[in-house]
N, C-alpha and C. Protein backbone atom coordinates (compact mmCIF):
# COMPACT_ATOMS: atom_id res chain seq x y z
N UNK A 1 0.83 -1.19 0.00
CA UNK A 1 0.00 0.00 0.00
C UNK A 1 0.87 1.25 0.00
N UNK A 2 0.30 2.34 -0.44
CA UNK A 2 1.01 3.60 -0.49
C UNK A 2 1.14 4.22 0.90
N UNK A 3 2.10 5.16 1.01
CA UNK A 3 2.27 5.88 2.27
C UNK A 3 1.03 6.71 2.57
N UNK A 4 0.76 6.89 3.85
CA UNK A 4 -0.31 7.78 4.27
C UNK A 4 -1.69 7.16 4.34
N UNK A 5 -1.77 5.84 4.22
CA UNK A 5 -3.08 5.19 4.25
C UNK A 5 -3.47 4.69 5.63
N UNK A 6 -2.60 4.90 6.62
CA UNK A 6 -2.95 4.52 7.98
C UNK A 6 -2.58 3.11 8.39
N UNK A 7 -1.61 2.52 7.70
CA UNK A 7 -1.22 1.14 8.02
C UNK A 7 -0.61 1.04 9.42
N UNK A 8 0.16 2.04 9.83
CA UNK A 8 0.77 2.01 11.16
C UNK A 8 -0.30 2.01 12.24
N UNK A 9 -1.28 2.87 12.09
CA UNK A 9 -2.37 2.95 13.07
C UNK A 9 -3.15 1.65 13.10
N UNK A 10 -3.39 1.07 11.94
CA UNK A 10 -4.10 -0.21 11.88
C UNK A 10 -3.31 -1.30 12.60
N UNK A 11 -2.01 -1.33 12.39
CA UNK A 11 -1.17 -2.34 13.04
C UNK A 11 -1.19 -2.16 14.56
N UNK A 12 -1.14 -0.92 15.02
CA UNK A 12 -1.19 -0.64 16.45
C UNK A 12 -2.55 -1.07 17.02
N UNK A 13 -3.61 -0.82 16.28
CA UNK A 13 -4.95 -1.21 16.74
C UNK A 13 -5.07 -2.73 16.85
N UNK A 14 -4.53 -3.45 15.89
CA UNK A 14 -4.56 -4.91 15.96
C UNK A 14 -3.72 -5.40 17.13
N UNK A 15 -2.55 -4.79 17.33
CA UNK A 15 -1.69 -5.18 18.46
C UNK A 15 -2.41 -4.95 19.78
N UNK A 16 -3.18 -3.87 19.87
CA UNK A 16 -3.92 -3.58 21.09
C UNK A 16 -4.94 -4.68 21.39
N UNK A 17 -5.57 -5.22 20.37
CA UNK A 17 -6.53 -6.32 20.55
C UNK A 17 -5.85 -7.51 21.22
N UNK A 18 -4.59 -7.72 20.89
CA UNK A 18 -3.84 -8.86 21.43
C UNK A 18 -2.93 -8.46 22.59
N UNK A 19 -3.27 -7.38 23.27
CA UNK A 19 -2.44 -6.83 24.35
C UNK A 19 -2.14 -7.85 25.45
N UNK A 20 -3.08 -8.74 25.73
CA UNK A 20 -2.86 -9.75 26.76
C UNK A 20 -1.77 -10.75 26.36
N UNK A 21 -1.44 -10.78 25.08
CA UNK A 21 -0.42 -11.71 24.58
C UNK A 21 0.95 -11.06 24.42
N UNK A 22 1.07 -9.80 24.77
CA UNK A 22 2.36 -9.13 24.65
C UNK A 22 3.39 -9.81 25.52
N UNK A 23 4.69 -9.72 25.20
CA UNK A 23 5.34 -8.55 24.65
C UNK A 23 5.14 -8.42 23.14
N UNK A 24 5.14 -7.16 22.72
CA UNK A 24 5.00 -6.79 21.32
C UNK A 24 6.38 -6.45 20.77
N UNK A 25 6.69 -6.99 19.62
CA UNK A 25 7.94 -6.69 18.92
C UNK A 25 7.59 -5.98 17.63
N UNK A 26 8.17 -4.80 17.42
CA UNK A 26 8.00 -4.06 16.17
C UNK A 26 9.35 -4.02 15.48
N UNK A 27 9.41 -4.59 14.28
CA UNK A 27 10.63 -4.57 13.48
C UNK A 27 10.37 -3.63 12.31
N UNK A 28 11.23 -2.62 12.19
CA UNK A 28 11.00 -1.58 11.19
C UNK A 28 12.34 -1.11 10.62
N UNK A 29 12.31 -0.44 9.48
CA UNK A 29 13.53 0.17 8.98
C UNK A 29 14.10 1.13 10.02
N UNK A 30 15.41 1.26 10.03
CA UNK A 30 16.08 2.12 11.01
C UNK A 30 15.47 3.51 11.09
N UNK A 31 15.16 4.07 9.95
CA UNK A 31 14.67 5.45 9.91
C UNK A 31 13.27 5.61 10.49
N UNK A 32 12.57 4.51 10.74
CA UNK A 32 11.19 4.59 11.23
C UNK A 32 11.02 4.20 12.69
N UNK A 33 12.10 3.84 13.37
CA UNK A 33 11.96 3.40 14.77
C UNK A 33 11.34 4.47 15.66
N UNK A 34 11.80 5.70 15.54
CA UNK A 34 11.26 6.76 16.40
C UNK A 34 9.85 7.15 15.98
N UNK A 35 9.53 7.00 14.71
CA UNK A 35 8.15 7.22 14.25
C UNK A 35 7.23 6.22 14.94
N UNK A 36 7.67 4.95 14.99
CA UNK A 36 6.87 3.93 15.67
C UNK A 36 6.69 4.26 17.15
N UNK A 37 7.77 4.69 17.80
CA UNK A 37 7.67 5.07 19.22
C UNK A 37 6.62 6.16 19.39
N UNK A 38 6.71 7.20 18.58
CA UNK A 38 5.78 8.32 18.70
C UNK A 38 4.34 7.89 18.44
N UNK A 39 4.13 7.07 17.42
CA UNK A 39 2.77 6.63 17.08
C UNK A 39 2.19 5.70 18.15
N UNK A 40 3.03 4.84 18.70
CA UNK A 40 2.57 3.95 19.78
C UNK A 40 2.12 4.78 20.98
N UNK A 41 2.94 5.76 21.36
CA UNK A 41 2.58 6.60 22.51
C UNK A 41 1.35 7.46 22.21
N UNK A 42 1.17 7.83 20.96
CA UNK A 42 0.00 8.63 20.58
C UNK A 42 -1.28 7.80 20.61
N UNK A 43 -1.24 6.58 20.08
CA UNK A 43 -2.45 5.78 19.91
C UNK A 43 -2.70 4.80 21.06
N UNK A 44 -1.72 4.63 21.92
CA UNK A 44 -1.90 3.81 23.13
C UNK A 44 -1.55 4.68 24.33
N UNK A 45 -2.39 5.66 24.64
CA UNK A 45 -2.06 6.65 25.67
C UNK A 45 -1.92 6.06 27.07
N UNK A 46 -2.39 4.84 27.27
CA UNK A 46 -2.23 4.20 28.57
C UNK A 46 -0.79 3.75 28.82
N UNK A 47 0.03 3.77 27.78
CA UNK A 47 1.43 3.39 27.91
C UNK A 47 2.29 4.63 28.14
N UNK A 48 3.45 4.38 28.73
CA UNK A 48 4.43 5.46 28.91
C UNK A 48 5.72 5.04 28.21
N UNK A 49 6.65 5.97 28.12
CA UNK A 49 7.93 5.65 27.49
C UNK A 49 8.64 4.52 28.23
N UNK A 50 8.36 4.35 29.51
CA UNK A 50 8.97 3.27 30.29
C UNK A 50 8.52 1.90 29.80
N UNK A 51 7.38 1.83 29.13
CA UNK A 51 6.87 0.56 28.59
C UNK A 51 7.55 0.18 27.29
N UNK A 52 8.26 1.12 26.68
CA UNK A 52 8.87 0.90 25.37
C UNK A 52 10.38 0.79 25.46
N UNK A 53 10.91 -0.07 24.64
CA UNK A 53 12.35 -0.17 24.45
C UNK A 53 12.60 0.06 22.96
N UNK A 54 13.19 1.21 22.64
CA UNK A 54 13.53 1.50 21.25
C UNK A 54 15.03 1.24 21.11
N UNK A 55 15.37 0.19 20.40
CA UNK A 55 16.76 -0.24 20.28
C UNK A 55 17.41 0.55 19.14
N UNK A 56 18.35 1.41 19.51
CA UNK A 56 19.03 2.26 18.52
C UNK A 56 20.46 1.77 18.25
N UNK A 57 21.05 1.05 19.21
CA UNK A 57 22.40 0.50 19.04
C UNK A 57 22.42 -0.90 19.63
N UNK A 58 23.49 -1.62 19.36
CA UNK A 58 23.64 -2.96 19.89
C UNK A 58 23.79 -3.01 21.40
N UNK A 59 24.00 -1.85 22.02
CA UNK A 59 24.18 -1.79 23.47
C UNK A 59 22.89 -1.45 24.22
N UNK A 60 21.86 -1.09 23.49
CA UNK A 60 20.59 -0.71 24.12
C UNK A 60 19.86 -1.92 24.68
N UNK A 61 19.01 -1.65 25.66
CA UNK A 61 18.19 -2.70 26.28
C UNK A 61 17.19 -3.25 25.26
N UNK A 62 17.10 -4.56 25.23
CA UNK A 62 16.10 -5.24 24.41
C UNK A 62 15.11 -5.84 25.38
N UNK A 63 13.88 -5.35 25.37
CA UNK A 63 12.88 -5.89 26.29
C UNK A 63 11.91 -4.84 26.75
N UNK A 64 10.94 -5.27 27.51
CA UNK A 64 9.86 -4.41 27.93
C UNK A 64 8.57 -4.89 27.31
N UNK A 65 7.51 -4.17 27.56
CA UNK A 65 6.21 -4.57 26.99
C UNK A 65 6.23 -4.44 25.47
N UNK A 66 6.96 -3.42 24.98
CA UNK A 66 7.07 -3.21 23.54
C UNK A 66 8.53 -2.95 23.21
N UNK A 67 9.05 -3.66 22.23
CA UNK A 67 10.40 -3.43 21.73
C UNK A 67 10.30 -3.02 20.27
N UNK A 68 10.93 -1.90 19.93
CA UNK A 68 11.00 -1.44 18.55
C UNK A 68 12.46 -1.54 18.12
N UNK A 69 12.71 -2.24 17.03
CA UNK A 69 14.07 -2.52 16.60
C UNK A 69 14.14 -2.53 15.07
N UNK A 70 15.31 -2.23 14.54
CA UNK A 70 15.49 -2.26 13.09
C UNK A 70 15.76 -3.70 12.64
N UNK A 71 15.59 -3.93 11.35
CA UNK A 71 15.86 -5.26 10.80
C UNK A 71 17.31 -5.66 11.04
N UNK A 72 18.25 -4.74 10.79
CA UNK A 72 19.66 -5.06 10.95
C UNK A 72 20.00 -5.40 12.40
N UNK A 73 19.51 -4.60 13.35
CA UNK A 73 19.79 -4.90 14.75
C UNK A 73 19.07 -6.15 15.21
N UNK A 74 17.93 -6.44 14.65
CA UNK A 74 17.21 -7.66 15.00
C UNK A 74 18.06 -8.88 14.66
N UNK A 75 18.74 -8.82 13.52
CA UNK A 75 19.63 -9.93 13.13
C UNK A 75 20.83 -9.99 14.06
N UNK A 76 21.46 -8.84 14.31
CA UNK A 76 22.66 -8.80 15.16
C UNK A 76 22.37 -9.23 16.59
N UNK A 77 21.18 -8.91 17.08
CA UNK A 77 20.81 -9.21 18.47
C UNK A 77 19.78 -10.33 18.53
N UNK A 78 19.84 -11.24 17.58
CA UNK A 78 18.80 -12.26 17.45
C UNK A 78 18.62 -13.10 18.71
N UNK A 79 19.69 -13.39 19.43
CA UNK A 79 19.55 -14.17 20.68
C UNK A 79 18.71 -13.41 21.70
N UNK A 80 18.98 -12.12 21.86
CA UNK A 80 18.21 -11.30 22.81
C UNK A 80 16.76 -11.16 22.37
N UNK A 81 16.56 -10.95 21.07
CA UNK A 81 15.21 -10.79 20.55
C UNK A 81 14.42 -12.08 20.72
N UNK A 82 15.05 -13.20 20.42
CA UNK A 82 14.38 -14.50 20.58
C UNK A 82 14.03 -14.76 22.03
N UNK A 83 14.89 -14.35 22.95
CA UNK A 83 14.63 -14.58 24.37
C UNK A 83 13.43 -13.78 24.88
N UNK A 84 13.02 -12.75 24.15
CA UNK A 84 11.81 -12.01 24.53
C UNK A 84 10.58 -12.88 24.42
N UNK A 85 10.66 -13.87 23.54
CA UNK A 85 9.53 -14.75 23.26
C UNK A 85 8.28 -13.93 22.91
N UNK A 86 8.42 -13.02 21.92
CA UNK A 86 7.27 -12.17 21.59
C UNK A 86 6.13 -12.97 20.99
N UNK A 87 4.94 -12.67 21.42
CA UNK A 87 3.74 -13.34 20.90
C UNK A 87 3.06 -12.52 19.82
N UNK A 88 3.36 -11.22 19.79
CA UNK A 88 2.79 -10.33 18.78
C UNK A 88 3.96 -9.61 18.11
N UNK A 89 4.02 -9.70 16.78
CA UNK A 89 5.12 -9.10 16.02
C UNK A 89 4.54 -8.29 14.86
N UNK A 90 5.03 -7.08 14.72
CA UNK A 90 4.69 -6.23 13.57
C UNK A 90 5.97 -6.05 12.76
N UNK A 91 5.91 -6.36 11.48
CA UNK A 91 7.03 -6.16 10.57
C UNK A 91 6.66 -5.06 9.59
N UNK A 92 7.16 -3.85 9.85
CA UNK A 92 6.89 -2.73 8.96
C UNK A 92 7.80 -2.86 7.74
N UNK A 93 7.28 -2.51 6.58
CA UNK A 93 8.03 -2.65 5.34
C UNK A 93 8.53 -4.09 5.20
N UNK A 94 7.60 -5.02 5.30
CA UNK A 94 7.94 -6.45 5.35
C UNK A 94 8.64 -6.97 4.11
N UNK A 95 8.66 -6.20 3.04
CA UNK A 95 9.43 -6.65 1.87
C UNK A 95 10.92 -6.75 2.20
N UNK A 96 11.36 -6.14 3.30
CA UNK A 96 12.74 -6.30 3.75
C UNK A 96 13.06 -7.76 4.06
N UNK A 97 12.03 -8.54 4.35
CA UNK A 97 12.23 -9.94 4.72
C UNK A 97 12.43 -10.84 3.50
N UNK A 98 12.21 -10.30 2.32
CA UNK A 98 12.29 -11.08 1.09
C UNK A 98 13.61 -11.83 0.96
N UNK A 99 14.70 -11.12 1.20
CA UNK A 99 16.02 -11.75 1.13
C UNK A 99 17.01 -10.93 1.93
N UNK A 100 18.13 -11.56 2.27
CA UNK A 100 19.15 -10.84 3.02
C UNK A 100 19.81 -9.77 2.16
N UNK A 101 19.59 -9.81 0.85
CA UNK A 101 20.18 -8.83 -0.06
C UNK A 101 19.19 -7.74 -0.45
N UNK A 102 18.01 -7.76 0.17
CA UNK A 102 17.00 -6.75 -0.15
C UNK A 102 17.57 -5.36 0.11
N UNK A 103 17.26 -4.43 -0.77
CA UNK A 103 17.76 -3.08 -0.63
C UNK A 103 17.17 -2.41 0.60
N UNK A 104 18.05 -1.78 1.41
CA UNK A 104 17.60 -1.11 2.62
C UNK A 104 17.96 0.36 2.56
């Protein structure tokens, strides 16, 4: 779908339905991690920044009710991400999953 059609909000709404099954993992392009943080806090006002872990470097905390991470860091930190045992996962720009050589 094209940009601006509300896919992020729809994904957040679906994730909210499955809130009892969290932790939620959001995997997105690097440039969109902070957009996801802002949109989550906007559309899930019952949450605070303390509920979110936005992984910006390999040294950042992975965990919490919601983790937002880039595709590249998800691969590099795969052991930590797997240990979260996320039950709800959102893959933004999922065409990145097509192949390891997909353009980023």
